[in-house]
Amino acid sequence: MEQPLKICCVTGHRPQGFPWEYTRDPADLYASYYQFVMEREVENLIKEGYNYFICGGACGVDMDFADAVLFLKERRYPHIQLEIAIPCPEQDKYWSETDKLFYKDILAQADKKVLVSEKPSRFCFHKRNQYMVDKSDFVLVFWNEKEKGGTYSTYKYAQKKGKKIKCHLLHRFPVFAEAERACQKRLLKMFKENRK
C-alpha cells in the first residue's frame, strides 16, 4: 500500500542573503554547521513521516536543501522524493559554471520537476514560492530577518495560509558555530590530556 504524501518545502536566501560569506566548503566553520543543521532538519522531518520535499532550485538554501534530501535518500531513506519547482525556463542563465553544473546534477536526481511559469517574468519566482507553500504541509525557513525579498514574502504567505513552519534565523548561526568550535576544542584538549 502506497504511503500518503506528507509534504515539506523550503524557503531561504541565495548566497548574497547570508550574514556570512557563503560557501559550500565543508572545511568552513559556518558552512559545515549550516549543512549539519540542514541535514538534521530534513532527517527529523523524515522521522516525523514527511516523505516528499520541494525546493525552487535557486542557488543557496534551495540547492543545499535538495542536496541534503538526496544525500539522505541515497544513504538511509530511499522512499523519500524530491521535487524541483522551477520558476521559469533558464533560471540558471546567468549563473556561474559551477552553479550550473550543481543545478543540472540536482535536476538529474530529482524525482519530479515542475515548470511553474512558461516564460521569465517579474512574478515567476513569487508564483513558484506560492505554488510550493500551497502544495506543502510544512514550510522550513532559513531567514536573515530582513523584512523584504522572496524569503520574507514566502514566510509571511505560509503564515497566512496556516502552514506548519520552522524558521531558522541565519544571523544566529555564526554564534552557534563558534560555540560548537569552542566545545570541540575543549573536548580535544580533554582527550589529549587523558591520553598522557
Protein backbone atom coordinates (compact mmCIF):
# COMPACT_ATOMS: atom_id res chain seq x y z
CA MET A 1 0.00 0.00 0.00
CA GLU A 2 1.40 3.37 -1.02
CA GLN A 3 2.08 5.80 1.81
CA PRO A 4 0.19 9.13 1.59
CA LEU A 5 2.35 12.13 0.81
CA LYS A 6 3.38 14.34 3.70
CA ILE A 7 4.99 17.35 2.04
CA CYS A 8 7.62 19.86 3.14
CA CYS A 9 9.05 22.75 1.15
CA VAL A 10 11.91 25.09 1.93
CA THR A 11 12.42 28.81 1.50
CA GLY A 12 15.63 30.68 2.12
CA HIS A 13 18.22 33.01 0.75
CA ARG A 14 20.56 32.97 -2.17
CA PRO A 15 24.26 33.27 -1.26
CA GLN A 16 24.22 37.09 -1.09
CA GLY A 17 21.47 36.97 1.56
CA PHE A 18 23.56 35.04 4.09
CA PRO A 19 25.01 37.03 7.03
CA TRP A 20 28.40 35.39 6.48
CA GLU A 21 30.40 34.73 3.34
CA TYR A 22 28.52 31.83 1.78
CA THR A 23 30.50 28.79 0.70
CA ARG A 24 29.81 25.08 0.28
CA ASP A 25 33.31 24.23 1.54
CA PRO A 26 32.92 21.68 4.37
CA ALA A 27 36.14 23.00 5.94
CA ASP A 28 34.42 26.34 6.55
CA LEU A 29 33.04 26.54 10.09
CA TYR A 30 29.77 28.27 9.20
CA ALA A 31 29.19 26.16 6.10
CA SER A 32 29.69 22.90 7.97
CA TYR A 33 27.40 23.97 10.84
CA TYR A 34 24.72 25.20 8.43
CA GLN A 35 24.89 21.94 6.42
CA PHE A 36 24.67 19.93 9.65
CA VAL A 37 21.52 21.84 10.65
CA MET A 38 20.01 21.40 7.17
CA GLU A 39 20.57 17.63 7.17
CA ARG A 40 19.36 17.28 10.77
CA GLU A 41 16.15 19.17 9.96
CA VAL A 42 15.41 17.05 6.90
CA GLU A 43 16.12 13.82 8.79
CA ASN A 44 13.90 14.90 11.70
CA LEU A 45 11.09 15.62 9.23
CA ILE A 46 11.54 12.19 7.64
CA LYS A 47 11.27 10.62 11.10
CA GLU A 48 8.02 12.58 11.58
CA GLY A 49 6.64 10.98 8.41
CA TYR A 50 7.45 13.62 5.78
CA ASN A 51 8.30 11.84 2.57
CA TYR A 52 8.04 14.46 -0.20
CA PHE A 53 10.28 17.51 -0.33
CA ILE A 54 10.07 20.55 -2.63
CA CYS A 55 12.55 23.30 -3.38
CA GLY A 56 12.78 26.00 -6.01
CA GLY A 57 16.24 25.11 -7.30
CA ALA A 58 17.86 28.51 -6.68
CA CYS A 59 21.46 28.81 -5.52
CA GLY A 60 21.90 28.86 -1.74
CA VAL A 61 19.29 27.38 0.58
CA ASP A 62 17.23 25.69 -2.16
CA MET A 63 20.13 23.75 -3.61
CA ASP A 64 21.55 22.93 -0.18
CA PHE A 65 18.17 21.56 0.88
CA ALA A 66 17.93 19.47 -2.30
CA ASP A 67 21.46 18.18 -1.71
CA ALA A 68 20.56 17.17 1.88
CA VAL A 69 17.38 15.38 0.72
CA LEU A 70 19.30 13.49 -1.98
CA PHE A 71 22.10 12.58 0.43
CA LEU A 72 19.63 11.15 2.96
CA LYS A 73 17.65 9.39 0.22
CA GLU A 74 20.79 7.66 -1.02
CA ARG A 75 22.09 6.74 2.44
CA ARG A 76 19.09 5.81 4.56
CA TYR A 77 15.65 6.74 3.23
CA PRO A 78 15.13 5.51 -0.34
CA HIS A 79 11.35 6.08 -0.11
CA ILE A 80 11.56 9.89 0.06
CA GLN A 81 11.05 12.05 -3.04
CA LEU A 82 12.43 15.38 -4.22
CA GLU A 83 10.56 17.82 -6.43
CA ILE A 84 12.18 20.86 -8.01
CA ALA A 85 9.68 23.66 -8.63
CA ILE A 86 11.35 25.51 -11.49
CA PRO A 87 10.14 29.13 -11.66
CA CYS A 88 10.79 29.54 -15.40
CA PRO A 89 12.99 28.15 -18.18
CA GLU A 90 16.67 29.07 -17.99
CA GLN A 91 16.58 30.24 -14.37
CA ASP A 92 20.30 29.37 -14.36
CA LYS A 93 21.12 31.50 -17.43
CA TYR A 94 23.39 33.97 -15.60
CA TRP A 95 24.86 31.59 -13.01
CA SER A 96 28.49 30.55 -12.75
CA GLU A 97 29.51 27.32 -14.49
CA THR A 98 29.98 25.64 -11.09
CA ASP A 99 26.44 26.56 -10.01
CA LYS A 100 25.01 25.45 -13.36
CA LEU A 101 26.68 22.03 -13.04
CA PHE A 102 25.42 21.61 -9.47
CA TYR A 103 21.90 22.58 -10.58
CA LYS A 104 21.96 20.12 -13.51
CA ASP A 105 23.14 17.35 -11.17
CA ILE A 106 20.29 18.11 -8.72
CA LEU A 107 17.74 18.18 -11.57
CA ALA A 108 19.01 14.84 -12.90
CA GLN A 109 18.47 13.20 -9.49
CA ALA A 110 15.11 14.81 -8.67
CA ASP A 111 12.05 12.58 -8.72
CA LYS A 112 9.89 15.30 -10.23
CA LYS A 113 10.42 18.63 -11.98
CA VAL A 114 7.57 21.12 -12.31
CA LEU A 115 7.87 24.19 -14.54
CA VAL A 116 5.69 26.78 -12.79
CA SER A 117 5.81 29.53 -15.46
CA GLU A 118 6.35 29.09 -19.18
CA LYS A 119 8.46 32.25 -19.52
CA PRO A 120 10.52 34.52 -17.26
CA SER A 121 8.68 37.43 -15.66
CA ARG A 122 8.86 39.70 -12.62
CA PHE A 123 6.39 37.42 -10.88
CA CYS A 124 7.57 33.91 -11.80
CA PHE A 125 9.61 33.47 -8.59
CA HIS A 126 6.72 34.72 -6.46
CA LYS A 127 4.36 32.32 -8.28
CA ARG A 128 6.83 29.45 -7.72
CA ASN A 129 7.04 30.22 -3.98
CA GLN A 130 3.26 30.28 -3.61
CA TYR A 131 2.99 27.01 -5.53
CA MET A 132 5.42 25.33 -3.10
CA VAL A 133 3.64 26.63 0.01
CA ASP A 134 0.19 25.75 -1.33
CA LYS A 135 1.29 22.18 -2.01
CA SER A 136 3.05 21.69 1.35
CA ASP A 137 2.02 20.73 4.85
CA PHE A 138 5.19 22.14 6.41
CA VAL A 139 7.49 25.02 5.45
CA LEU A 140 11.14 25.08 6.53
CA VAL A 141 12.55 28.63 6.53
CA PHE A 142 16.16 29.85 6.60
CA TRP A 143 15.84 33.62 7.04
CA ASN A 144 18.18 36.57 7.64
CA GLU A 145 15.41 38.57 9.41
CA LYS A 146 15.25 41.28 6.75
CA GLU A 147 11.62 42.12 6.10
CA LYS A 148 11.88 42.20 2.32
CA GLY A 149 12.51 39.83 -0.56
CA GLY A 150 11.31 36.41 -1.60
CA THR A 151 12.15 34.52 1.58
CA TYR A 152 10.28 37.00 3.75
CA SER A 153 7.22 37.13 1.49
CA THR A 154 7.13 33.32 1.31
CA TYR A 155 7.40 33.09 5.11
CA LYS A 156 4.51 35.57 5.50
CA TYR A 157 2.45 33.73 2.86
CA ALA A 158 2.97 30.42 4.72
CA GLN A 159 1.81 32.09 7.96
CA LYS A 160 -1.26 33.49 6.20
CA LYS A 161 -2.08 30.03 4.83
CA GLY A 162 -1.78 28.50 8.32
CA LYS A 163 1.05 26.14 7.40
CA LYS A 164 3.28 24.49 9.98
CA ILE A 165 6.54 26.43 9.94
CA LYS A 166 10.00 26.12 11.43
CA CYS A 167 12.19 29.17 11.00
CA HIS A 168 15.98 29.22 11.37
CA LEU A 169 17.47 32.68 11.85
CA LEU A 170 20.69 32.70 9.85
CA HIS A 171 22.32 35.55 11.76
CA ARG A 172 22.45 33.29 14.84
CA PHE A 173 24.37 30.52 13.06
CA PRO A 174 27.83 32.09 13.50
CA VAL A 175 27.28 32.27 17.26
CA PHE A 176 26.26 28.62 17.42
CA ALA A 177 29.08 27.60 15.09
CA GLU A 178 31.64 29.42 17.28
CA ALA A 179 30.20 27.74 20.38
CA GLU A 180 30.42 24.37 18.62
CA ARG A 181 34.06 25.01 17.70
CA ALA A 182 34.89 26.05 21.27
CA CYS A 183 33.24 22.88 22.57
CA GLN A 184 35.20 20.73 20.10
CA LYS A 185 38.46 22.39 21.18
CA ARG A 186 37.68 21.69 24.85
CA LEU A 187 36.86 18.05 24.08
CA LEU A 188 40.04 17.64 22.05
CA LYS A 189 42.09 19.16 24.86
CA MET A 190 40.46 16.81 27.41
CA PHE A 191 41.07 13.85 25.10
CA LYS A 192 44.76 14.75 24.72
CA GLU A 193 45.17 15.24 28.46
CA ASN A 194 43.57 11.86 29.17
CA ARG A 195 45.95 10.17 26.70
CA LYS A 196 49.04 11.40 28.57
